[in-house]
């Protein structure tokens, strides 16, 4: 897990998000040990894990699509709009 201060995260947020790997975590903290303040976690960015996708199988869509024969009767409804 990577820890970075809030001020740095504000400057580099798009870069941080783009570089996150699935499951990787970035902890953003507030406070400064030099000022005597206690470091406090204010946010966590966690890269989304990609769900495993089943490989495509040839012919898996057979029977799921019905193709109707050419039918010109539906065009009669648009007769007023056609030249």
PDB file of N, CA and C in Angstrom:
ATOM      1  N   UNK A   1       0.841  -1.175   0.000  1.00  0.00           N
ATOM      2  CA  UNK A   1       0.000   0.000   0.000  1.00  0.00           C
ATOM      3  C   UNK A   1       0.884   1.236   0.000  1.00  0.00           C
ATOM      4  N   UNK A   2       0.517   2.188  -0.832  1.00  0.00           N
ATOM      5  CA  UNK A   2       1.230   3.450  -0.934  1.00  0.00           C
ATOM      6  C   UNK A   2       0.519   4.492  -0.081  1.00  0.00           C
ATOM      7  N   UNK A   3       1.288   5.313   0.609  1.00  0.00           N
ATOM      8  CA  UNK A   3       0.716   6.397   1.408  1.00  0.00           C
ATOM      9  C   UNK A   3       1.242   7.717   0.864  1.00  0.00           C
ATOM     10  N   UNK A   4       0.335   8.652   0.629  1.00  0.00           N
ATOM     11  CA  UNK A   4       0.751   9.970   0.158  1.00  0.00           C
ATOM     12  C   UNK A   4      -0.046  11.042   0.916  1.00  0.00           C
ATOM     13  N   UNK A   5       0.539  12.227   1.077  1.00  0.00           N
ATOM     14  CA  UNK A   5      -0.171  13.311   1.754  1.00  0.00           C
ATOM     15  C   UNK A   5      -1.300  13.872   0.883  1.00  0.00           C
ATOM     16  N   UNK A   6      -2.282  14.435   1.538  1.00  0.00           N
ATOM     17  CA  UNK A   6      -3.444  14.989   0.854  1.00  0.00           C
ATOM     18  C   UNK A   6      -3.061  16.057  -0.161  1.00  0.00           C
ATOM     19  N   UNK A   7      -2.123  16.911   0.175  1.00  0.00           N
ATOM     20  CA  UNK A   7      -1.732  17.986  -0.746  1.00  0.00           C
ATOM     21  C   UNK A   7      -1.156  17.421  -2.040  1.00  0.00           C
ATOM     22  N   UNK A   8      -0.384  16.354  -1.934  1.00  0.00           N
ATOM     23  CA  UNK A   8       0.175  15.724  -3.136  1.00  0.00           C
ATOM     24  C   UNK A   8      -0.918  15.019  -3.933  1.00  0.00           C
ATOM     25  N   UNK A   9      -1.843  14.382  -3.240  1.00  0.00           N
ATOM     26  CA  UNK A   9      -2.941  13.684  -3.919  1.00  0.00           C
ATOM     27  C   UNK A   9      -3.804  14.661  -4.709  1.00  0.00           C
ATOM     28  N   UNK A  10      -4.008  15.854  -4.170  1.00  0.00           N
ATOM     29  CA  UNK A  10      -4.800  16.853  -4.876  1.00  0.00           C
ATOM     30  C   UNK A  10      -4.131  17.267  -6.181  1.00  0.00           C
ATOM     31  N   UNK A  11      -2.830  17.327  -6.182  1.00  0.00           N
ATOM     32  CA  UNK A  11      -2.102  17.733  -7.382  1.00  0.00           C
ATOM     33  C   UNK A  11      -2.021  16.617  -8.418  1.00  0.00           C
ATOM     34  N   UNK A  12      -1.981  15.358  -7.948  1.00  0.00           N
ATOM     35  CA  UNK A  12      -1.704  14.231  -8.842  1.00  0.00           C
ATOM     36  C   UNK A  12      -2.860  13.252  -8.967  1.00  0.00           C
ATOM     37  N   UNK A  13      -4.089  13.623  -8.610  1.00  0.00           N
ATOM     38  CA  UNK A  13      -5.199  12.677  -8.588  1.00  0.00           C
ATOM     39  C   UNK A  13      -5.421  11.949  -9.915  1.00  0.00           C
ATOM     40  N   UNK A  14      -5.502  12.635 -11.058  1.00  0.00           N
ATOM     41  CA  UNK A  14      -5.696  11.900 -12.317  1.00  0.00           C
ATOM     42  C   UNK A  14      -4.574  10.886 -12.576  1.00  0.00           C
ATOM     43  N   UNK A  15      -3.360  11.260 -12.288  1.00  0.00           N
ATOM     44  CA  UNK A  15      -2.214  10.363 -12.480  1.00  0.00           C
ATOM     45  C   UNK A  15      -2.298   9.158 -11.532  1.00  0.00           C
ATOM     46  N   UNK A  16      -2.668   9.405 -10.290  1.00  0.00           N
ATOM     47  CA  UNK A  16      -2.801   8.316  -9.311  1.00  0.00           C
ATOM     48  C   UNK A  16      -3.851   7.305  -9.752  1.00  0.00           C
ATOM     49  N   UNK A  17      -4.996   7.806 -10.184  1.00  0.00           N
ATOM     50  CA  UNK A  17      -6.075   6.916 -10.615  1.00  0.00           C
ATOM     51  C   UNK A  17      -5.662   6.115 -11.841  1.00  0.00           C
ATOM     52  N   UNK A  18      -5.016   6.764 -12.798  1.00  0.00           N
ATOM     53  CA  UNK A  18      -4.614   6.080 -14.030  1.00  0.00           C
ATOM     54  C   UNK A  18      -3.581   4.995 -13.779  1.00  0.00           C
ATOM     55  N   UNK A  19      -2.753   5.175 -12.749  1.00  0.00           N
ATOM     56  CA  UNK A  19      -1.686   4.198 -12.508  1.00  0.00           C
ATOM     57  C   UNK A  19      -2.087   3.072 -11.556  1.00  0.00           C
ATOM     58  N   UNK A  20      -3.303   3.131 -10.986  1.00  0.00           N
ATOM     59  CA  UNK A  20      -3.730   2.084 -10.056  1.00  0.00           C
ATOM     60  C   UNK A  20      -3.885   0.745 -10.768  1.00  0.00           C
ATOM     61  N   UNK A  21      -3.329  -0.277 -10.183  1.00  0.00           N
ATOM     62  CA  UNK A  21      -3.495  -1.639 -10.679  1.00  0.00           C
ATOM     63  C   UNK A  21      -4.677  -2.266  -9.945  1.00  0.00           C
ATOM     64  N   UNK A  22      -5.342  -3.277 -10.518  1.00  0.00           N
ATOM     65  CA  UNK A  22      -6.461  -3.922  -9.828  1.00  0.00           C
ATOM     66  C   UNK A  22      -6.044  -4.432  -8.442  1.00  0.00           C
ATOM     67  N   UNK A  23      -6.782  -4.024  -7.422  1.00  0.00           N
ATOM     68  CA  UNK A  23      -6.499  -4.434  -6.058  1.00  0.00           C
ATOM     69  C   UNK A  23      -5.465  -3.588  -5.335  1.00  0.00           C
ATOM     70  N   UNK A  24      -4.763  -2.730  -6.061  1.00  0.00           N
ATOM     71  CA  UNK A  24      -3.756  -1.868  -5.440  1.00  0.00           C
ATOM     72  C   UNK A  24      -4.451  -0.770  -4.641  1.00  0.00           C
ATOM     73  N   UNK A  25      -3.841  -0.374  -3.540  1.00  0.00           N
ATOM     74  CA  UNK A  25      -4.448   0.602  -2.652  1.00  0.00           C
ATOM     75  C   UNK A  25      -3.505   1.776  -2.425  1.00  0.00           C
ATOM     76  N   UNK A  26      -4.073   2.991  -2.459  1.00  0.00           N
ATOM     77  CA  UNK A  26      -3.327   4.205  -2.144  1.00  0.00           C
ATOM     78  C   UNK A  26      -4.048   4.869  -0.968  1.00  0.00           C
ATOM     79  N   UNK A  27      -3.320   5.094   0.105  1.00  0.00           N
ATOM     80  CA  UNK A  27      -3.888   5.723   1.285  1.00  0.00           C
ATOM     81  C   UNK A  27      -3.494   7.198   1.294  1.00  0.00           C
ATOM     82  N   UNK A  28      -4.476   8.063   1.466  1.00  0.00           N
ATOM     83  CA  UNK A  28      -4.235   9.501   1.484  1.00  0.00           C
ATOM     84  C   UNK A  28      -4.375   9.974   2.924  1.00  0.00           C
ATOM     85  N   UNK A  29      -3.348  10.674   3.413  1.00  0.00           N
ATOM     86  CA  UNK A  29      -3.382  11.101   4.809  1.00  0.00           C
ATOM     87  C   UNK A  29      -3.271  12.609   4.923  1.00  0.00           C
ATOM     88  N   UNK A  30      -3.746  13.093   6.065  1.00  0.00           N
ATOM     89  CA  UNK A  30      -3.723  14.511   6.370  1.00  0.00           C
ATOM     90  C   UNK A  30      -2.875  14.697   7.619  1.00  0.00           C
ATOM     91  N   UNK A  31      -2.315  15.863   7.783  1.00  0.00           N
ATOM     92  CA  UNK A  31      -1.465  16.131   8.940  1.00  0.00           C
ATOM     93  C   UNK A  31      -0.007  16.112   8.531  1.00  0.00           C
ATOM     94  N   UNK A  32       0.838  16.519   9.435  1.00  0.00           N
ATOM     95  CA  UNK A  32       2.262  16.599   9.131  1.00  0.00           C
ATOM     96  C   UNK A  32       3.041  16.298  10.406  1.00  0.00           C
ATOM     97  N   UNK A  33       3.923  15.314  10.336  1.00  0.00           N
ATOM     98  CA  UNK A  33       4.696  14.950  11.519  1.00  0.00           C
ATOM     99  C   UNK A  33       5.637  16.073  11.932  1.00  0.00           C
ATOM    100  N   UNK A  34       6.012  16.938  11.002  1.00  0.00           N
ATOM    101  CA  UNK A  34       6.930  18.022  11.336  1.00  0.00           C
ATOM    102  C   UNK A  34       6.244  19.112  12.157  1.00  0.00           C
ATOM    103  N   UNK A  35       4.938  19.250  11.988  1.00  0.00           N
ATOM    104  CA  UNK A  35       4.188  20.250  12.745  1.00  0.00           C
ATOM    105  C   UNK A  35       3.670  19.675  14.062  1.00  0.00           C
ATOM    106  N   UNK A  36       3.974  18.433  14.339  1.00  0.00           N
ATOM    107  CA  UNK A  36       3.505  17.809  15.563  1.00  0.00           C
ATOM    108  C   UNK A  36       2.076  17.309  15.482  1.00  0.00           C
ATOM    109  N   UNK A  37       1.467  17.388  14.291  1.00  0.00           N
ATOM    110  CA  UNK A  37       0.109  16.888  14.117  1.00  0.00           C
ATOM    111  C   UNK A  37       0.140  15.385  13.893  1.00  0.00           C
ATOM    112  N   UNK A  38      -0.903  14.755  14.312  1.00  0.00           N
ATOM    113  CA  UNK A  38      -1.002  13.309  14.120  1.00  0.00           C
ATOM    114  C   UNK A  38      -1.459  13.033  12.686  1.00  0.00           C
ATOM    115  N   UNK A  39      -0.801  12.093  12.030  1.00  0.00           N
ATOM    116  CA  UNK A  39      -1.217  11.711  10.680  1.00  0.00           C
ATOM    117  C   UNK A  39      -2.551  10.990  10.771  1.00  0.00           C
ATOM    118  N   UNK A  40      -3.447  11.345   9.879  1.00  0.00           N
ATOM    119  CA  UNK A  40      -4.789  10.776   9.900  1.00  0.00           C
ATOM    120  C   UNK A  40      -5.181  10.399   8.479  1.00  0.00           C
ATOM    121  N   UNK A  41      -5.609   9.150   8.286  1.00  0.00           N
ATOM    122  CA  UNK A  41      -6.056   8.706   6.970  1.00  0.00           C
ATOM    123  C   UNK A  41      -7.391   9.357   6.656  1.00  0.00           C
ATOM    124  N   UNK A  42      -7.469  10.021   5.508  1.00  0.00           N
ATOM    125  CA  UNK A  42      -8.705  10.699   5.116  1.00  0.00           C
ATOM    126  C   UNK A  42      -9.397  10.020   3.935  1.00  0.00           C
ATOM    127  N   UNK A  43      -8.649   9.210   3.166  1.00  0.00           N
ATOM    128  CA  UNK A  43      -9.259   8.536   2.018  1.00  0.00           C
ATOM    129  C   UNK A  43      -8.383   7.373   1.569  1.00  0.00           C
ATOM    130  N   UNK A  44      -9.013   6.461   0.839  1.00  0.00           N
ATOM    131  CA  UNK A  44      -8.298   5.347   0.221  1.00  0.00           C
ATOM    132  C   UNK A  44      -8.785   5.202  -1.212  1.00  0.00           C
ATOM    133  N   UNK A  45      -7.849   5.039  -2.117  1.00  0.00           N
ATOM    134  CA  UNK A  45      -8.176   4.720  -3.507  1.00  0.00           C
ATOM    135  C   UNK A  45      -7.827   3.255  -3.706  1.00  0.00           C
ATOM    136  N   UNK A  46      -8.763   2.495  -4.229  1.00  0.00           N
ATOM    137  CA  UNK A  46      -8.524   1.077  -4.455  1.00  0.00           C
ATOM    138  C   UNK A  46      -8.849   0.768  -5.912  1.00  0.00           C
ATOM    139  N   UNK A  47      -7.879   0.203  -6.610  1.00  0.00           N
ATOM    140  CA  UNK A  47      -8.089  -0.170  -8.006  1.00  0.00           C
ATOM    141  C   UNK A  47      -9.106  -1.295  -8.099  1.00  0.00           C
ATOM    142  N   UNK A  48     -10.097  -1.138  -8.969  1.00  0.00           N
ATOM    143  CA  UNK A  48     -11.138  -2.144  -9.136  1.00  0.00           C
ATOM    144  C   UNK A  48     -10.559  -3.421  -9.720  1.00  0.00           C
ATOM    145  N   UNK A  49     -10.989  -4.509  -9.157  1.00  0.00           N
ATOM    146  CA  UNK A  49     -10.608  -5.813  -9.714  1.00  0.00           C
ATOM    147  C   UNK A  49     -11.532  -6.101 -10.891  1.00  0.00           C
ATOM    148  N   UNK A  50     -10.950  -6.538 -11.967  1.00  0.00           N
ATOM    149  CA  UNK A  50     -11.755  -6.840 -13.140  1.00  0.00           C
ATOM    150  C   UNK A  50     -12.309  -8.252 -12.995  1.00  0.00           C
ATOM    151  N   UNK A  51     -13.607  -8.374 -13.243  1.00  0.00           N
ATOM    152  CA  UNK A  51     -14.203  -9.698 -13.137  1.00  0.00           C
ATOM    153  C   UNK A  51     -13.730 -10.554 -14.311  1.00  0.00           C
ATOM    154  N   UNK A  52     -13.437 -11.806 -14.043  1.00  0.00           N
ATOM    155  CA  UNK A  52     -12.973 -12.659 -15.138  1.00  0.00           C
ATOM    156  C   UNK A  52     -14.093 -12.870 -16.153  1.00  0.00           C
ATOM    157  N   UNK A  53     -13.758 -12.725 -17.390  1.00  0.00           N
ATOM    158  CA  UNK A  53     -14.735 -12.850 -18.453  1.00  0.00           C
ATOM    159  C   UNK A  53     -14.587 -14.212 -19.107  1.00  0.00           C
ATOM    160  N   UNK A  54     -15.719 -14.844 -19.341  1.00  0.00           N
ATOM    161  CA  UNK A  54     -15.681 -16.146 -20.012  1.00  0.00           C
ATOM    162  C   UNK A  54     -15.266 -15.936 -21.460  1.00  0.00           C
ATOM    163  N   UNK A  55     -14.469 -16.833 -22.001  1.00  0.00           N
ATOM    164  CA  UNK A  55     -14.077 -16.693 -23.409  1.00  0.00           C
ATOM    165  C   UNK A  55     -15.299 -16.862 -24.322  1.00  0.00           C
ATOM    166  N   UNK A  56     -15.290 -16.146 -25.415  1.00  0.00           N
ATOM    167  CA  UNK A  56     -16.381 -16.255 -26.379  1.00  0.00           C
ATOM    168  C   UNK A  56     -16.357 -17.627 -27.054  1.00  0.00           C
ATOM    169  N   UNK A  57     -17.537 -18.127 -27.315  1.00  0.00           N
ATOM    170  CA  UNK A  57     -17.669 -19.412 -27.983  1.00  0.00           C
ATOM    171  C   UNK A  57     -18.356 -19.207 -29.327  1.00  0.00           C
ATOM    172  N   UNK A  58     -17.773 -19.713 -30.394  1.00  0.00           N
ATOM    173  CA  UNK A  58     -18.423 -19.577 -31.697  1.00  0.00           C
ATOM    174  C   UNK A  58     -19.800 -20.234 -31.672  1.00  0.00           C
ATOM    175  N   UNK A  59     -20.787 -19.523 -32.199  1.00  0.00           N
ATOM    176  CA  UNK A  59     -22.135 -20.077 -32.296  1.00  0.00           C
ATOM    177  C   UNK A  59     -22.963 -19.945 -31.036  1.00  0.00           C
ATOM    178  N   UNK A  60     -22.478 -19.225 -30.035  1.00  0.00           N
ATOM    179  CA  UNK A  60     -23.220 -19.133 -28.783  1.00  0.00           C
ATOM    180  C   UNK A  60     -24.492 -18.300 -28.901  1.00  0.00           C
ATOM    181  N   UNK A  61     -24.638 -17.513 -29.966  1.00  0.00           N
ATOM    182  CA  UNK A  61     -25.829 -16.681 -30.134  1.00  0.00           C
ATOM    183  C   UNK A  61     -26.851 -17.299 -31.079  1.00  0.00           C
ATOM    184  N   UNK A  62     -26.620 -18.522 -31.514  1.00  0.00           N
ATOM    185  CA  UNK A  62     -27.556 -19.162 -32.433  1.00  0.00           C
ATOM    186  C   UNK A  62     -28.914 -19.301 -31.754  1.00  0.00           C
ATOM    187  N   UNK A  63     -29.940 -18.847 -32.455  1.00  0.00           N
ATOM    188  CA  UNK A  63     -31.298 -18.953 -31.937  1.00  0.00           C
ATOM    189  C   UNK A  63     -31.746 -17.775 -31.091  1.00  0.00           C
ATOM    190  N   UNK A  64     -30.883 -16.809 -30.840  1.00  0.00           N
ATOM    191  CA  UNK A  64     -31.280 -15.668 -30.020  1.00  0.00           C
ATOM    192  C   UNK A  64     -31.777 -14.494 -30.854  1.00  0.00           C
ATOM    193  N   UNK A  65     -31.611 -14.547 -32.147  1.00  0.00           N
ATOM    194  CA  UNK A  65     -32.004 -13.460 -33.033  1.00  0.00           C
ATOM    195  C   UNK A  65     -32.975 -13.989 -34.072  1.00  0.00           C
ATOM    196  N   UNK A  66     -34.085 -13.273 -34.239  1.00  0.00           N
ATOM    197  CA  UNK A  66     -35.068 -13.676 -35.236  1.00  0.00           C
ATOM    198  C   UNK A  66     -35.069 -12.637 -36.346  1.00  0.00           C
ATOM    199  N   UNK A  67     -34.889 -13.086 -37.566  1.00  0.00           N
ATOM    200  CA  UNK A  67     -34.887 -12.195 -38.721  1.00  0.00           C
ATOM    201  C   UNK A  67     -36.189 -12.420 -39.478  1.00  0.00           C
ATOM    202  N   UNK A  68     -36.968 -11.344 -39.607  1.00  0.00           N
ATOM    203  CA  UNK A  68     -38.222 -11.423 -40.339  1.00  0.00           C
ATOM    204  C   UNK A  68     -37.957 -11.205 -41.815  1.00  0.00           C
ATOM    205  N   UNK A  69     -38.797 -11.790 -42.642  1.00  0.00           N
ATOM    206  CA  UNK A  69     -38.637 -11.583 -44.078  1.00  0.00           C
ATOM    207  C   UNK A  69     -38.990 -10.140 -44.416  1.00  0.00           C
ATOM    208  N   UNK A  70     -38.534  -9.689 -45.561  1.00  0.00           N
ATOM    209  CA  UNK A  70     -38.808  -8.319 -45.978  1.00  0.00           C
ATOM    210  C   UNK A  70     -40.311  -8.091 -45.994  1.00  0.00           C
ATOM    211  N   UNK A  71     -40.723  -6.993 -45.401  1.00  0.00           N
ATOM    212  CA  UNK A  71     -42.143  -6.686 -45.277  1.00  0.00           C
ATOM    213  C   UNK A  71     -42.332  -5.208 -45.577  1.00  0.00           C
ATOM    214  N   UNK A  72     -43.092  -4.922 -46.611  1.00  0.00           N
ATOM    215  CA  UNK A  72     -43.290  -3.534 -47.001  1.00  0.00           C
ATOM    216  C   UNK A  72     -44.607  -2.980 -46.480  1.00  0.00           C
ATOM    217  N   UNK A  73     -45.393  -3.773 -45.780  1.00  0.00           N
ATOM    218  CA  UNK A  73     -46.685  -3.278 -45.289  1.00  0.00           C
ATOM    219  C   UNK A  73     -46.497  -2.231 -44.200  1.00  0.00           C
ATOM    220  N   UNK A  74     -45.411  -2.291 -43.456  1.00  0.00           N
ATOM    221  CA  UNK A  74     -45.186  -1.292 -42.415  1.00  0.00           C
ATOM    222  C   UNK A  74     -44.924   0.093 -43.010  1.00  0.00           C
ATOM    223  N   UNK A  75     -44.506   0.156 -44.276  1.00  0.00           N
ATOM    224  CA  UNK A  75     -44.245   1.440 -44.912  1.00  0.00           C
ATOM    225  C   UNK A  75     -45.532   2.213 -45.203  1.00  0.00           C
ATOM    226  N   UNK A  76     -46.676   1.518 -45.237  1.00  0.00           N
ATOM    227  CA  UNK A  76     -47.952   2.188 -45.489  1.00  0.00           C
ATOM    228  C   UNK A  76     -48.254   3.215 -44.396  1.00  0.00           C
ATOM    229  N   UNK A  77     -47.772   2.989 -43.187  1.00  0.00           N
ATOM    230  CA  UNK A  77     -47.991   3.930 -42.090  1.00  0.00           C
ATOM    231  C   UNK A  77     -47.257   5.250 -42.314  1.00  0.00           C
ATOM    232  N   UNK A  78     -46.224   5.240 -43.144  1.00  0.00           N
ATOM    233  CA  UNK A  78     -45.412   6.428 -43.387  1.00  0.00           C
ATOM    234  C   UNK A  78     -45.691   7.049 -44.757  1.00  0.00           C
ATOM    235  N   UNK A  79     -46.775   6.627 -45.375  1.00  0.00           N
ATOM    236  CA  UNK A  79     -47.094   7.089 -46.732  1.00  0.00           C
ATOM    237  C   UNK A  79     -47.181   8.602 -46.797  1.00  0.00           C
ATOM    238  N   UNK A  80     -47.735   9.267 -45.769  1.00  0.00           N
ATOM    239  CA  UNK A  80     -47.869  10.721 -45.779  1.00  0.00           C
ATOM    240  C   UNK A  80     -46.528  11.444 -45.708  1.00  0.00           C
ATOM    241  N   UNK A  81     -45.510  10.791 -45.211  1.00  0.00           N
ATOM    242  CA  UNK A  81     -44.201  11.424 -45.010  1.00  0.00           C
ATOM    243  C   UNK A  81     -43.238  11.151 -46.168  1.00  0.00           C
ATOM    244  N   UNK A  82     -43.584  10.224 -47.021  1.00  0.00           N
ATOM    245  CA  UNK A  82     -42.673   9.835 -48.101  1.00  0.00           C
ATOM    246  C   UNK A  82     -43.015  10.606 -49.382  1.00  0.00           C
ATOM    247  N   UNK A  83     -42.002  10.948 -50.177  1.00  0.00           N
ATOM    248  CA  UNK A  83     -42.250  11.705 -51.417  1.00  0.00           C
ATOM    249  C   UNK A  83     -42.903  10.852 -52.481  1.00  0.00           C
TER     250      UNK A  83
END
